Amino acid sequence: MTHPKISGAILAGGLSTRMGGNDKGLLQFDGTPLYQHIATRLQPQVHELLINANLNLGVYQQSGYPIIPDIITDFSGPLAGMLSVLKNAIHEWVVFVPCDVPDFPADLVEKLWRYKQYARAAYVHDCERAHPTLVLMHRSLIPRLESYLALGDRKLMFFMQMIKAKAVYFPDTNAFTNLNTPEECHDWKLRHWEFLQESA
């Protein structure tokens, strides 16, 4: 790692409405919950790993990672989870990855750090669309995020624009595919199985 110590956080605090209310982070893939697939890929890139979750806390606690529920308890979206994590992280910089993007790059943190320039936040763009839930943020943004949420605002991309976050380009749309529905999960399982067969 050529960057300073960075905390990493898995965002698993949503309601998963498009998944029938099932906790996406706990969906099983090859006998392993989805959030563990994320953790396996994220942990080598960071110096501390936390999980933002609001449901099934006892199950997530079995991972051994610190579990950080939302301070705002009305399921206010990813920004509420980000605020809670920023307030609890050890290190000044925190990278966030949602629990439903299992193929994010192994150099995610390194590249966000390298190309953020002087910005206090940098998020992923796959050259077609922005993915602001995959973002590196500095803890000095806590007051601005608190004020933004206190006004009732919840739009993540608008907040990124407000704080002049830097878009960092990763030219691989497949790396940032969200698993939002049972069908998308099935397709990912199939691709993952085919990849393992080809690698064997």
N, C-alpha and C. Protein backbone atom coordinates (compact mmCIF):
# COMPACT_ATOMS: atom_id res chain seq x y z
N MET A 1 0.84 -1.19 0.00
CA MET A 1 0.00 0.00 0.00
C MET A 1 0.88 1.24 0.00
N THR A 2 0.60 2.19 -0.88
CA THR A 2 1.37 3.42 -0.94
C THR A 2 0.58 4.61 -0.39
N HIS A 3 -0.56 4.35 0.20
CA HIS A 3 -1.38 5.41 0.77
C HIS A 3 -1.30 5.35 2.30
N PRO A 4 -1.75 6.38 3.00
CA PRO A 4 -1.77 6.32 4.47
C PRO A 4 -2.79 5.30 4.95
N LYS A 5 -2.83 5.10 6.25
CA LYS A 5 -3.78 4.13 6.80
C LYS A 5 -5.21 4.59 6.52
N ILE A 6 -5.98 3.66 5.99
CA ILE A 6 -7.36 3.94 5.58
C ILE A 6 -8.27 2.89 6.20
N SER A 7 -9.40 3.34 6.73
CA SER A 7 -10.43 2.42 7.21
C SER A 7 -11.33 2.02 6.05
N GLY A 8 -11.84 0.81 6.10
CA GLY A 8 -12.78 0.34 5.09
C GLY A 8 -14.10 -0.02 5.74
N ALA A 9 -15.19 0.24 5.03
CA ALA A 9 -16.52 -0.06 5.58
C ALA A 9 -17.40 -0.70 4.52
N ILE A 10 -18.07 -1.77 4.92
CA ILE A 10 -19.06 -2.42 4.07
C ILE A 10 -20.43 -1.87 4.44
N LEU A 11 -21.13 -1.33 3.45
CA LEU A 11 -22.46 -0.78 3.68
C LEU A 11 -23.51 -1.88 3.51
N ALA A 12 -24.08 -2.32 4.64
CA ALA A 12 -25.09 -3.38 4.62
C ALA A 12 -26.30 -2.97 5.44
N GLY A 13 -26.59 -1.66 5.45
CA GLY A 13 -27.64 -1.16 6.33
C GLY A 13 -28.97 -0.89 5.67
N GLY A 14 -29.12 -1.26 4.39
CA GLY A 14 -30.36 -0.96 3.68
C GLY A 14 -31.47 -1.95 3.95
N LEU A 15 -32.65 -1.66 3.40
CA LEU A 15 -33.82 -2.51 3.61
C LEU A 15 -33.95 -3.61 2.57
N SER A 16 -33.18 -3.54 1.47
CA SER A 16 -33.20 -4.58 0.43
C SER A 16 -34.62 -4.83 -0.09
N THR A 17 -35.35 -3.76 -0.38
CA THR A 17 -36.74 -3.93 -0.79
C THR A 17 -36.88 -4.69 -2.10
N ARG A 18 -35.93 -4.48 -3.03
CA ARG A 18 -36.02 -5.19 -4.31
C ARG A 18 -35.59 -6.65 -4.19
N MET A 19 -35.06 -7.00 -3.01
CA MET A 19 -34.68 -8.39 -2.75
C MET A 19 -35.74 -9.05 -1.87
N GLY A 20 -36.95 -8.50 -1.88
CA GLY A 20 -38.02 -9.07 -1.08
C GLY A 20 -37.83 -8.88 0.41
N GLY A 21 -37.02 -7.90 0.79
CA GLY A 21 -36.77 -7.65 2.21
C GLY A 21 -35.71 -8.52 2.81
N ASN A 22 -35.14 -9.45 2.04
CA ASN A 22 -34.05 -10.28 2.54
C ASN A 22 -32.78 -9.45 2.69
N ASP A 23 -32.04 -9.69 3.75
CA ASP A 23 -30.80 -8.96 4.00
C ASP A 23 -29.77 -9.37 2.95
N LYS A 24 -29.47 -8.46 2.02
CA LYS A 24 -28.57 -8.81 0.91
C LYS A 24 -27.21 -9.27 1.40
N GLY A 25 -26.71 -8.62 2.43
CA GLY A 25 -25.38 -8.97 2.92
C GLY A 25 -25.26 -10.39 3.40
N LEU A 26 -26.40 -11.00 3.77
CA LEU A 26 -26.38 -12.36 4.32
C LEU A 26 -26.79 -13.41 3.30
N LEU A 27 -27.08 -13.02 2.07
CA LEU A 27 -27.39 -14.01 1.03
C LEU A 27 -26.18 -14.91 0.81
N GLN A 28 -26.44 -16.19 0.68
CA GLN A 28 -25.36 -17.17 0.59
C GLN A 28 -24.89 -17.37 -0.85
N PHE A 29 -23.58 -17.33 -1.04
CA PHE A 29 -22.95 -17.62 -2.32
C PHE A 29 -21.80 -18.58 -2.06
N ASP A 30 -21.90 -19.78 -2.61
CA ASP A 30 -20.89 -20.82 -2.35
C ASP A 30 -20.72 -21.06 -0.85
N GLY A 31 -21.83 -21.01 -0.12
CA GLY A 31 -21.79 -21.28 1.31
C GLY A 31 -21.25 -20.14 2.15
N THR A 32 -21.03 -18.98 1.54
CA THR A 32 -20.48 -17.83 2.24
C THR A 32 -21.40 -16.64 2.06
N PRO A 33 -21.73 -15.90 3.13
CA PRO A 33 -22.59 -14.73 2.95
C PRO A 33 -21.93 -13.68 2.07
N LEU A 34 -22.76 -12.94 1.36
CA LEU A 34 -22.25 -11.98 0.38
C LEU A 34 -21.31 -10.96 1.01
N TYR A 35 -21.61 -10.50 2.22
CA TYR A 35 -20.74 -9.50 2.83
C TYR A 35 -19.33 -10.04 3.07
N GLN A 36 -19.22 -11.36 3.27
CA GLN A 36 -17.89 -11.95 3.47
C GLN A 36 -17.09 -11.95 2.17
N HIS A 37 -17.76 -12.10 1.04
CA HIS A 37 -17.08 -11.97 -0.25
C HIS A 37 -16.51 -10.56 -0.38
N ILE A 38 -17.30 -9.56 0.04
CA ILE A 38 -16.84 -8.17 0.00
C ILE A 38 -15.65 -8.00 0.94
N ALA A 39 -15.78 -8.53 2.15
CA ALA A 39 -14.72 -8.38 3.15
C ALA A 39 -13.41 -9.00 2.68
N THR A 40 -13.49 -10.16 2.05
CA THR A 40 -12.29 -10.84 1.57
C THR A 40 -11.55 -9.99 0.55
N ARG A 41 -12.28 -9.27 -0.27
CA ARG A 41 -11.66 -8.44 -1.30
C ARG A 41 -11.21 -7.09 -0.74
N LEU A 42 -11.94 -6.57 0.23
CA LEU A 42 -11.63 -5.23 0.75
C LEU A 42 -10.54 -5.24 1.82
N GLN A 43 -10.52 -6.27 2.65
CA GLN A 43 -9.60 -6.26 3.80
C GLN A 43 -8.13 -6.06 3.43
N PRO A 44 -7.61 -6.70 2.36
CA PRO A 44 -6.20 -6.47 2.02
C PRO A 44 -5.90 -5.04 1.58
N GLN A 45 -6.93 -4.26 1.28
CA GLN A 45 -6.73 -2.90 0.77
C GLN A 45 -6.79 -1.84 1.86
N VAL A 46 -7.17 -2.24 3.09
CA VAL A 46 -7.38 -1.25 4.16
C VAL A 46 -6.67 -1.70 5.44
N HIS A 47 -6.68 -0.81 6.43
CA HIS A 47 -6.01 -1.08 7.70
C HIS A 47 -6.99 -1.36 8.83
N GLU A 48 -8.26 -1.17 8.57
CA GLU A 48 -9.34 -1.44 9.53
C GLU A 48 -10.58 -1.72 8.72
N LEU A 49 -11.38 -2.70 9.15
CA LEU A 49 -12.60 -3.03 8.42
C LEU A 49 -13.79 -2.99 9.37
N LEU A 50 -14.83 -2.26 8.97
CA LEU A 50 -16.05 -2.16 9.75
C LEU A 50 -17.24 -2.53 8.87
N ILE A 51 -18.36 -2.85 9.51
CA ILE A 51 -19.58 -3.16 8.77
C ILE A 51 -20.70 -2.26 9.28
N ASN A 52 -21.33 -1.55 8.37
CA ASN A 52 -22.52 -0.76 8.70
C ASN A 52 -23.74 -1.64 8.46
N ALA A 53 -24.47 -1.97 9.52
CA ALA A 53 -25.66 -2.82 9.41
C ALA A 53 -26.69 -2.36 10.43
N ASN A 54 -27.96 -2.58 10.11
CA ASN A 54 -29.06 -2.20 11.00
C ASN A 54 -29.96 -3.37 11.36
N LEU A 55 -29.83 -4.47 10.65
CA LEU A 55 -30.63 -5.67 10.90
C LEU A 55 -29.69 -6.86 11.13
N ASN A 56 -30.19 -7.87 11.81
CA ASN A 56 -29.42 -9.10 12.02
C ASN A 56 -28.03 -8.81 12.59
N LEU A 57 -27.97 -7.91 13.55
CA LEU A 57 -26.67 -7.48 14.08
C LEU A 57 -25.90 -8.64 14.70
N GLY A 58 -26.62 -9.55 15.36
CA GLY A 58 -25.95 -10.69 15.98
C GLY A 58 -25.24 -11.56 14.96
N VAL A 59 -25.84 -11.72 13.79
CA VAL A 59 -25.22 -12.52 12.73
C VAL A 59 -23.96 -11.82 12.22
N TYR A 60 -24.06 -10.53 11.96
CA TYR A 60 -22.89 -9.79 11.48
C TYR A 60 -21.77 -9.77 12.53
N GLN A 61 -22.13 -9.73 13.80
CA GLN A 61 -21.11 -9.69 14.85
C GLN A 61 -20.26 -10.96 14.87
N GLN A 62 -20.80 -12.05 14.35
CA GLN A 62 -20.04 -13.29 14.30
C GLN A 62 -18.82 -13.18 13.39
N SER A 63 -18.80 -12.16 12.54
CA SER A 63 -17.66 -11.96 11.64
C SER A 63 -16.42 -11.53 12.40
N GLY A 64 -16.61 -10.94 13.58
CA GLY A 64 -15.47 -10.42 14.33
C GLY A 64 -15.13 -8.98 14.00
N TYR A 65 -15.78 -8.42 12.98
CA TYR A 65 -15.55 -7.02 12.63
C TYR A 65 -16.46 -6.12 13.47
N PRO A 66 -16.04 -4.88 13.74
CA PRO A 66 -16.94 -3.95 14.43
C PRO A 66 -18.19 -3.68 13.59
N ILE A 67 -19.34 -3.70 14.24
CA ILE A 67 -20.62 -3.45 13.56
C ILE A 67 -21.11 -2.07 13.98
N ILE A 68 -21.37 -1.22 12.99
CA ILE A 68 -21.76 0.16 13.24
C ILE A 68 -23.17 0.39 12.69
N PRO A 69 -24.20 0.46 13.55
CA PRO A 69 -25.55 0.79 13.07
C PRO A 69 -25.65 2.28 12.73
N ASP A 70 -26.69 2.63 11.99
CA ASP A 70 -26.95 4.03 11.67
C ASP A 70 -27.26 4.81 12.94
N ILE A 71 -26.70 6.01 13.05
CA ILE A 71 -27.09 6.93 14.12
C ILE A 71 -28.51 7.41 13.88
N ILE A 72 -28.82 7.70 12.62
CA ILE A 72 -30.18 8.08 12.22
C ILE A 72 -30.93 6.78 11.96
N THR A 73 -32.01 6.54 12.68
CA THR A 73 -32.59 5.19 12.71
C THR A 73 -33.80 5.00 11.80
N ASP A 74 -33.96 5.84 10.79
CA ASP A 74 -35.14 5.69 9.92
C ASP A 74 -34.77 5.17 8.53
N PHE A 75 -33.66 4.42 8.45
CA PHE A 75 -33.19 3.86 7.18
C PHE A 75 -33.10 4.96 6.12
N SER A 76 -32.24 5.94 6.41
CA SER A 76 -32.14 7.15 5.59
C SER A 76 -31.23 6.98 4.38
N GLY A 77 -30.85 5.77 4.06
CA GLY A 77 -30.01 5.56 2.89
C GLY A 77 -28.54 5.49 3.25
N PRO A 78 -27.69 5.34 2.23
CA PRO A 78 -26.26 5.11 2.49
C PRO A 78 -25.57 6.26 3.22
N LEU A 79 -26.02 7.49 3.04
CA LEU A 79 -25.36 8.61 3.71
C LEU A 79 -25.44 8.49 5.23
N ALA A 80 -26.55 7.95 5.74
CA ALA A 80 -26.67 7.77 7.19
C ALA A 80 -25.65 6.75 7.69
N GLY A 81 -25.47 5.68 6.93
CA GLY A 81 -24.45 4.70 7.29
C GLY A 81 -23.06 5.27 7.21
N MET A 82 -22.82 6.07 6.18
CA MET A 82 -21.51 6.70 6.03
C MET A 82 -21.19 7.62 7.21
N LEU A 83 -22.19 8.38 7.65
CA LEU A 83 -21.99 9.28 8.79
C LEU A 83 -21.61 8.48 10.03
N SER A 84 -22.33 7.41 10.30
CA SER A 84 -22.04 6.60 11.48
C SER A 84 -20.63 6.02 11.43
N VAL A 85 -20.24 5.53 10.26
CA VAL A 85 -18.90 4.95 10.13
C VAL A 85 -17.83 6.02 10.27
N LEU A 86 -18.01 7.16 9.62
CA LEU A 86 -17.03 8.24 9.73
C LEU A 86 -16.80 8.63 11.18
N LYS A 87 -17.85 8.59 11.99
CA LYS A 87 -17.74 8.96 13.40
C LYS A 87 -17.04 7.89 14.23
N ASN A 88 -17.00 6.67 13.73
CA ASN A 88 -16.43 5.56 14.51
C ASN A 88 -15.10 5.04 13.97
N ALA A 89 -14.72 5.43 12.77
CA ALA A 89 -13.49 4.91 12.17
C ALA A 89 -12.26 5.41 12.91
N ILE A 90 -11.23 4.60 12.92
CA ILE A 90 -9.97 4.95 13.57
C ILE A 90 -9.19 5.95 12.73
N HIS A 91 -9.17 5.73 11.43
CA HIS A 91 -8.30 6.50 10.55
C HIS A 91 -9.04 7.67 9.91
N GLU A 92 -8.28 8.64 9.42
CA GLU A 92 -8.86 9.88 8.89
C GLU A 92 -9.58 9.68 7.56
N TRP A 93 -9.14 8.69 6.79
CA TRP A 93 -9.78 8.40 5.50
C TRP A 93 -10.54 7.08 5.61
N VAL A 94 -11.72 7.06 5.00
CA VAL A 94 -12.57 5.86 5.03
C VAL A 94 -13.05 5.57 3.61
N VAL A 95 -12.92 4.32 3.19
CA VAL A 95 -13.46 3.91 1.90
C VAL A 95 -14.71 3.06 2.14
N PHE A 96 -15.74 3.32 1.36
CA PHE A 96 -17.02 2.61 1.51
C PHE A 96 -17.28 1.73 0.29
N VAL A 97 -17.77 0.52 0.56
CA VAL A 97 -18.17 -0.41 -0.50
C VAL A 97 -19.51 -1.01 -0.11
N PRO A 98 -20.52 -0.96 -0.97
CA PRO A 98 -21.80 -1.59 -0.64
C PRO A 98 -21.68 -3.11 -0.64
N CYS A 99 -22.59 -3.74 0.10
CA CYS A 99 -22.50 -5.20 0.27
C CYS A 99 -22.94 -5.97 -0.96
N ASP A 100 -23.42 -5.27 -2.00
CA ASP A 100 -23.97 -5.98 -3.16
C ASP A 100 -23.17 -5.74 -4.44
N VAL A 101 -21.89 -5.37 -4.29
CA VAL A 101 -21.01 -5.17 -5.46
C VAL A 101 -19.77 -6.06 -5.28
N PRO A 102 -19.91 -7.36 -5.49
CA PRO A 102 -18.83 -8.29 -5.13
C PRO A 102 -17.62 -8.30 -6.04
N ASP A 103 -17.71 -7.68 -7.22
CA ASP A 103 -16.60 -7.75 -8.17
C ASP A 103 -15.79 -6.46 -8.27
N PHE A 104 -15.89 -5.60 -7.26
CA PHE A 104 -15.14 -4.34 -7.31
C PHE A 104 -13.64 -4.63 -7.39
N PRO A 105 -12.86 -3.72 -7.98
CA PRO A 105 -11.44 -4.01 -8.26
C PRO A 105 -10.58 -4.20 -7.02
N ALA A 106 -9.56 -5.03 -7.17
CA ALA A 106 -8.61 -5.27 -6.09
C ALA A 106 -7.71 -4.06 -5.84
N ASP A 107 -7.72 -3.10 -6.77
CA ASP A 107 -6.93 -1.87 -6.58
C ASP A 107 -7.84 -0.66 -6.36
N LEU A 108 -9.06 -0.90 -5.88
CA LEU A 108 -10.02 0.18 -5.69
C LEU A 108 -9.46 1.30 -4.82
N VAL A 109 -8.97 0.94 -3.64
CA VAL A 109 -8.52 1.95 -2.68
C VAL A 109 -7.29 2.68 -3.22
N GLU A 110 -6.36 1.92 -3.76
CA GLU A 110 -5.13 2.51 -4.29
C GLU A 110 -5.45 3.54 -5.38
N LYS A 111 -6.37 3.20 -6.26
CA LYS A 111 -6.67 4.10 -7.38
C LYS A 111 -7.47 5.32 -6.91
N LEU A 112 -8.42 5.13 -6.01
CA LEU A 112 -9.15 6.28 -5.48
C LEU A 112 -8.20 7.26 -4.80
N TRP A 113 -7.26 6.71 -4.03
CA TRP A 113 -6.29 7.57 -3.35
C TRP A 113 -5.40 8.30 -4.36
N ARG A 114 -4.93 7.59 -5.35
CA ARG A 114 -3.97 8.15 -6.30
C ARG A 114 -4.58 9.28 -7.12
N TYR A 115 -5.85 9.15 -7.47
CA TYR A 115 -6.45 10.12 -8.39
C TYR A 115 -7.40 11.13 -7.72
N LYS A 116 -7.50 11.10 -6.42
CA LYS A 116 -8.40 12.04 -5.76
C LYS A 116 -7.87 13.47 -5.81
N GLN A 117 -6.55 13.62 -6.04
CA GLN A 117 -5.90 14.93 -6.04
C GLN A 117 -6.12 15.61 -4.69
N TYR A 118 -6.65 16.83 -4.68
CA TYR A 118 -6.81 17.54 -3.41
C TYR A 118 -8.23 17.43 -2.83
N ALA A 119 -9.06 16.62 -3.45
CA ALA A 119 -10.44 16.48 -2.98
C ALA A 119 -10.49 15.72 -1.66
N ARG A 120 -11.52 15.99 -0.88
CA ARG A 120 -11.72 15.27 0.38
C ARG A 120 -12.63 14.07 0.21
N ALA A 121 -13.04 13.82 -1.03
CA ALA A 121 -13.82 12.62 -1.34
C ALA A 121 -13.60 12.28 -2.81
N ALA A 122 -13.59 10.98 -3.10
CA ALA A 122 -13.42 10.51 -4.48
C ALA A 122 -14.29 9.27 -4.65
N TYR A 123 -15.08 9.26 -5.73
CA TYR A 123 -16.00 8.15 -5.95
C TYR A 123 -15.74 7.50 -7.31
N VAL A 124 -16.29 6.32 -7.48
CA VAL A 124 -16.08 5.52 -8.69
C VAL A 124 -17.00 5.99 -9.82
N HIS A 125 -16.43 6.02 -11.02
CA HIS A 125 -17.21 6.22 -12.25
C HIS A 125 -16.71 5.18 -13.25
N ASP A 126 -17.63 4.40 -13.85
CA ASP A 126 -17.20 3.32 -14.75
C ASP A 126 -17.15 3.75 -16.21
N CYS A 127 -17.11 5.06 -16.46
CA CYS A 127 -17.09 5.66 -17.80
C CYS A 127 -18.47 5.68 -18.45
N GLU A 128 -19.45 5.08 -17.79
CA GLU A 128 -20.84 5.17 -18.25
C GLU A 128 -21.72 5.82 -17.20
N ARG A 129 -21.49 5.46 -15.93
CA ARG A 129 -22.31 6.03 -14.86
C ARG A 129 -21.50 6.10 -13.57
N ALA A 130 -21.95 6.99 -12.69
CA ALA A 130 -21.29 7.17 -11.40
C ALA A 130 -21.77 6.10 -10.41
N HIS A 131 -20.88 5.73 -9.50
CA HIS A 131 -21.20 4.79 -8.42
C HIS A 131 -20.76 5.42 -7.10
N PRO A 132 -21.53 6.39 -6.59
CA PRO A 132 -21.08 7.13 -5.42
C PRO A 132 -21.10 6.37 -4.11
N THR A 133 -21.67 5.15 -4.10
CA THR A 133 -21.58 4.36 -2.87
C THR A 133 -20.20 3.73 -2.71
N LEU A 134 -19.42 3.70 -3.79
CA LEU A 134 -18.02 3.28 -3.70
C LEU A 134 -17.19 4.56 -3.65
N VAL A 135 -16.84 4.97 -2.45
CA VAL A 135 -16.28 6.31 -2.28
C VAL A 135 -15.25 6.33 -1.15
N LEU A 136 -14.25 7.14 -1.34
CA LEU A 136 -13.24 7.43 -0.32
C LEU A 136 -13.56 8.80 0.25
N MET A 137 -13.68 8.89 1.58
CA MET A 137 -14.06 10.16 2.21
C MET A 137 -13.16 10.47 3.39
N HIS A 138 -12.95 11.75 3.63
CA HIS A 138 -12.17 12.20 4.79
C HIS A 138 -13.12 12.53 5.94
N ARG A 139 -12.68 12.24 7.16
CA ARG A 139 -13.54 12.44 8.33
C ARG A 139 -13.87 13.92 8.59
N SER A 140 -13.11 14.81 8.00
CA SER A 140 -13.41 16.24 8.16
C SER A 140 -14.74 16.62 7.51
N LEU A 141 -15.31 15.71 6.71
CA LEU A 141 -16.61 15.96 6.08
C LEU A 141 -17.79 15.70 7.01
N ILE A 142 -17.52 15.20 8.21
CA ILE A 142 -18.61 14.87 9.14
C ILE A 142 -19.56 16.04 9.37
N PRO A 143 -19.08 17.25 9.69
CA PRO A 143 -20.03 18.35 9.93
C PRO A 143 -20.91 18.67 8.72
N ARG A 144 -20.35 18.65 7.54
CA ARG A 144 -21.15 18.95 6.34
C ARG A 144 -22.18 17.86 6.10
N LEU A 145 -21.81 16.62 6.34
CA LEU A 145 -22.75 15.52 6.16
C LEU A 145 -23.86 15.58 7.21
N GLU A 146 -23.51 15.92 8.44
CA GLU A 146 -24.53 16.06 9.48
C GLU A 146 -25.53 17.16 9.10
N SER A 147 -25.03 18.28 8.63
CA SER A 147 -25.91 19.39 8.25
C SER A 147 -26.81 19.00 7.08
N TYR A 148 -26.24 18.31 6.12
CA TYR A 148 -26.99 17.88 4.94
C TYR A 148 -28.14 16.96 5.34
N LEU A 149 -27.85 15.98 6.20
CA LEU A 149 -28.89 15.04 6.62
C LEU A 149 -29.92 15.72 7.52
N ALA A 150 -29.47 16.69 8.33
CA ALA A 150 -30.40 17.40 9.21
C ALA A 150 -31.45 18.18 8.43
N LEU A 151 -31.11 18.58 7.22
CA LEU A 151 -32.06 19.29 6.36
C LEU A 151 -33.05 18.35 5.68
N GLY A 152 -32.85 17.05 5.88
CA GLY A 152 -33.75 16.07 5.27
C GLY A 152 -33.30 15.58 3.92
N ASP A 153 -32.14 16.03 3.48
CA ASP A 153 -31.63 15.59 2.17
C ASP A 153 -31.04 14.19 2.29
N ARG A 154 -31.24 13.38 1.25
CA ARG A 154 -30.77 12.00 1.27
C ARG A 154 -30.02 11.63 -0.01
N LYS A 155 -30.03 12.51 -1.01
CA LYS A 155 -29.47 12.15 -2.31
C LYS A 155 -27.95 12.13 -2.25
N LEU A 156 -27.39 10.95 -2.46
CA LEU A 156 -25.95 10.75 -2.33
C LEU A 156 -25.17 11.52 -3.38
N MET A 157 -25.59 11.44 -4.64
CA MET A 157 -24.83 12.09 -5.70
C MET A 157 -24.86 13.61 -5.55
N PHE A 158 -25.97 14.15 -5.08
CA PHE A 158 -26.04 15.59 -4.86
C PHE A 158 -25.04 16.02 -3.79
N PHE A 159 -24.89 15.19 -2.75
CA PHE A 159 -23.91 15.50 -1.70
C PHE A 159 -22.50 15.45 -2.27
N MET A 160 -22.22 14.46 -3.12
CA MET A 160 -20.90 14.38 -3.74
C MET A 160 -20.59 15.64 -4.54
N GLN A 161 -21.58 16.13 -5.26
CA GLN A 161 -21.39 17.35 -6.03
C GLN A 161 -21.19 18.56 -5.12
N MET A 162 -21.93 18.58 -4.02
CA MET A 162 -21.86 19.70 -3.09
C MET A 162 -20.47 19.82 -2.46
N ILE A 163 -19.85 18.68 -2.15
CA ILE A 163 -18.53 18.71 -1.51
C ILE A 163 -17.40 18.66 -2.54
N LYS A 164 -17.77 18.74 -3.83
CA LYS A 164 -16.79 18.72 -4.92
C LYS A 164 -15.93 17.46 -4.89
N ALA A 165 -16.61 16.33 -4.72
CA ALA A 165 -15.92 15.04 -4.76
C ALA A 165 -15.37 14.78 -6.16
N LYS A 166 -14.28 14.07 -6.21
CA LYS A 166 -13.60 13.77 -7.48
C LYS A 166 -14.11 12.44 -8.04
N ALA A 167 -14.48 12.43 -9.32
CA ALA A 167 -14.82 11.18 -10.00
C ALA A 167 -13.54 10.50 -10.46
N VAL A 168 -13.38 9.24 -10.11
CA VAL A 168 -12.21 8.46 -10.53
C VAL A 168 -12.71 7.37 -11.47
N TYR A 169 -12.11 7.29 -12.64
CA TYR A 169 -12.64 6.43 -13.70
C TYR A 169 -12.01 5.04 -13.69
N PHE A 170 -12.88 4.04 -13.70
CA PHE A 170 -12.50 2.63 -13.79
C PHE A 170 -13.22 2.08 -15.02
N PRO A 171 -12.51 1.82 -16.12
CA PRO A 171 -13.18 1.41 -17.36
C PRO A 171 -13.59 -0.07 -17.37
N ASP A 172 -14.46 -0.45 -16.44
CA ASP A 172 -14.94 -1.83 -16.39
C ASP A 172 -16.32 -1.83 -15.74
N THR A 173 -17.36 -1.77 -16.57
CA THR A 173 -18.71 -1.68 -16.03
C THR A 173 -19.09 -2.93 -15.24
N ASN A 174 -18.58 -4.10 -15.63
CA ASN A 174 -18.95 -5.34 -14.94
C ASN A 174 -18.45 -5.37 -13.50
N ALA A 175 -17.38 -4.64 -13.22
CA ALA A 175 -16.80 -4.66 -11.87
C ALA A 175 -17.72 -4.02 -10.84
N PHE A 176 -18.68 -3.24 -11.30
CA PHE A 176 -19.53 -2.49 -10.37
C PHE A 176 -21.00 -2.85 -10.50
N THR A 177 -21.27 -4.06 -10.97
CA THR A 177 -22.64 -4.54 -11.08
C THR A 177 -23.24 -4.73 -9.70
N ASN A 178 -24.41 -4.13 -9.49
CA ASN A 178 -25.14 -4.30 -8.23
C ASN A 178 -26.03 -5.53 -8.29
N LEU A 179 -26.09 -6.26 -7.20
CA LEU A 179 -27.00 -7.40 -7.09
C LEU A 179 -28.23 -6.94 -6.32
N ASN A 180 -29.20 -6.39 -7.05
CA ASN A 180 -30.37 -5.79 -6.41
C ASN A 180 -31.59 -6.70 -6.40
N THR A 181 -31.62 -7.69 -7.29
CA THR A 181 -32.80 -8.54 -7.41
C THR A 181 -32.37 -10.01 -7.37
N PRO A 182 -33.29 -10.92 -7.09
CA PRO A 182 -32.95 -12.35 -7.13
C PRO A 182 -32.40 -12.78 -8.48
N GLU A 183 -32.91 -12.17 -9.57
CA GLU A 183 -32.44 -12.53 -10.91
C GLU A 183 -30.97 -12.13 -11.09
N GLU A 184 -30.62 -10.94 -10.62
CA GLU A 184 -29.23 -10.48 -10.72
C GLU A 184 -28.31 -11.36 -9.88
N CYS A 185 -28.79 -11.79 -8.73
CA CYS A 185 -27.99 -12.70 -7.90
C CYS A 185 -27.76 -14.03 -8.62
N HIS A 186 -28.82 -14.54 -9.25
CA HIS A 186 -28.69 -15.79 -10.00
C HIS A 186 -27.68 -15.65 -11.13
N ASP A 187 -27.75 -14.55 -11.86
CA ASP A 187 -26.81 -14.33 -12.97
C ASP A 187 -25.38 -14.23 -12.46
N TRP A 188 -25.19 -13.56 -11.32
CA TRP A 188 -23.84 -13.43 -10.77
C TRP A 188 -23.30 -14.79 -10.32
N LYS A 189 -24.15 -15.57 -9.68
CA LYS A 189 -23.73 -16.91 -9.26
C LYS A 189 -23.27 -17.72 -10.47
N LEU A 190 -24.02 -17.62 -11.57
CA LEU A 190 -23.69 -18.37 -12.78
C LEU A 190 -22.35 -17.91 -13.34
N ARG A 191 -22.14 -16.59 -13.42
CA ARG A 191 -20.87 -16.07 -13.93
C ARG A 191 -19.72 -16.47 -13.02
N HIS A 192 -19.96 -16.41 -11.73
CA HIS A 192 -18.92 -16.76 -10.75
C HIS A 192 -18.56 -18.24 -10.88
N TRP A 193 -19.56 -19.08 -11.05
CA TRP A 193 -19.31 -20.52 -11.19
C TRP A 193 -18.54 -20.80 -12.47
N GLU A 194 -18.92 -20.12 -13.57
CA GLU A 194 -18.22 -20.32 -14.84
C GLU A 194 -16.77 -19.86 -14.74
N PHE A 195 -16.53 -18.76 -14.01
CA PHE A 195 -15.16 -18.26 -13.83
C PHE A 195 -14.33 -19.27 -13.05
N LEU A 196 -14.92 -19.86 -12.00
CA LEU A 196 -14.19 -20.84 -11.21
C LEU A 196 -13.88 -22.08 -12.03
N GLN A 197 -14.82 -22.48 -12.90
CA GLN A 197 -14.59 -23.65 -13.75
C GLN A 197 -13.45 -23.38 -14.73
N GLU A 198 -13.42 -22.17 -15.30
CA GLU A 198 -12.36 -21.82 -16.25
C GLU A 198 -11.00 -21.71 -15.57
N SER A 199 -11.01 -21.32 -14.29
CA SER A 199 -9.76 -21.14 -13.56
C SER A 199 -9.21 -22.44 -13.01
N ALA A 200 -10.07 -23.48 -12.97
CA ALA A 200 -9.65 -24.76 -12.37
C ALA A 200 -8.62 -25.46 -13.24
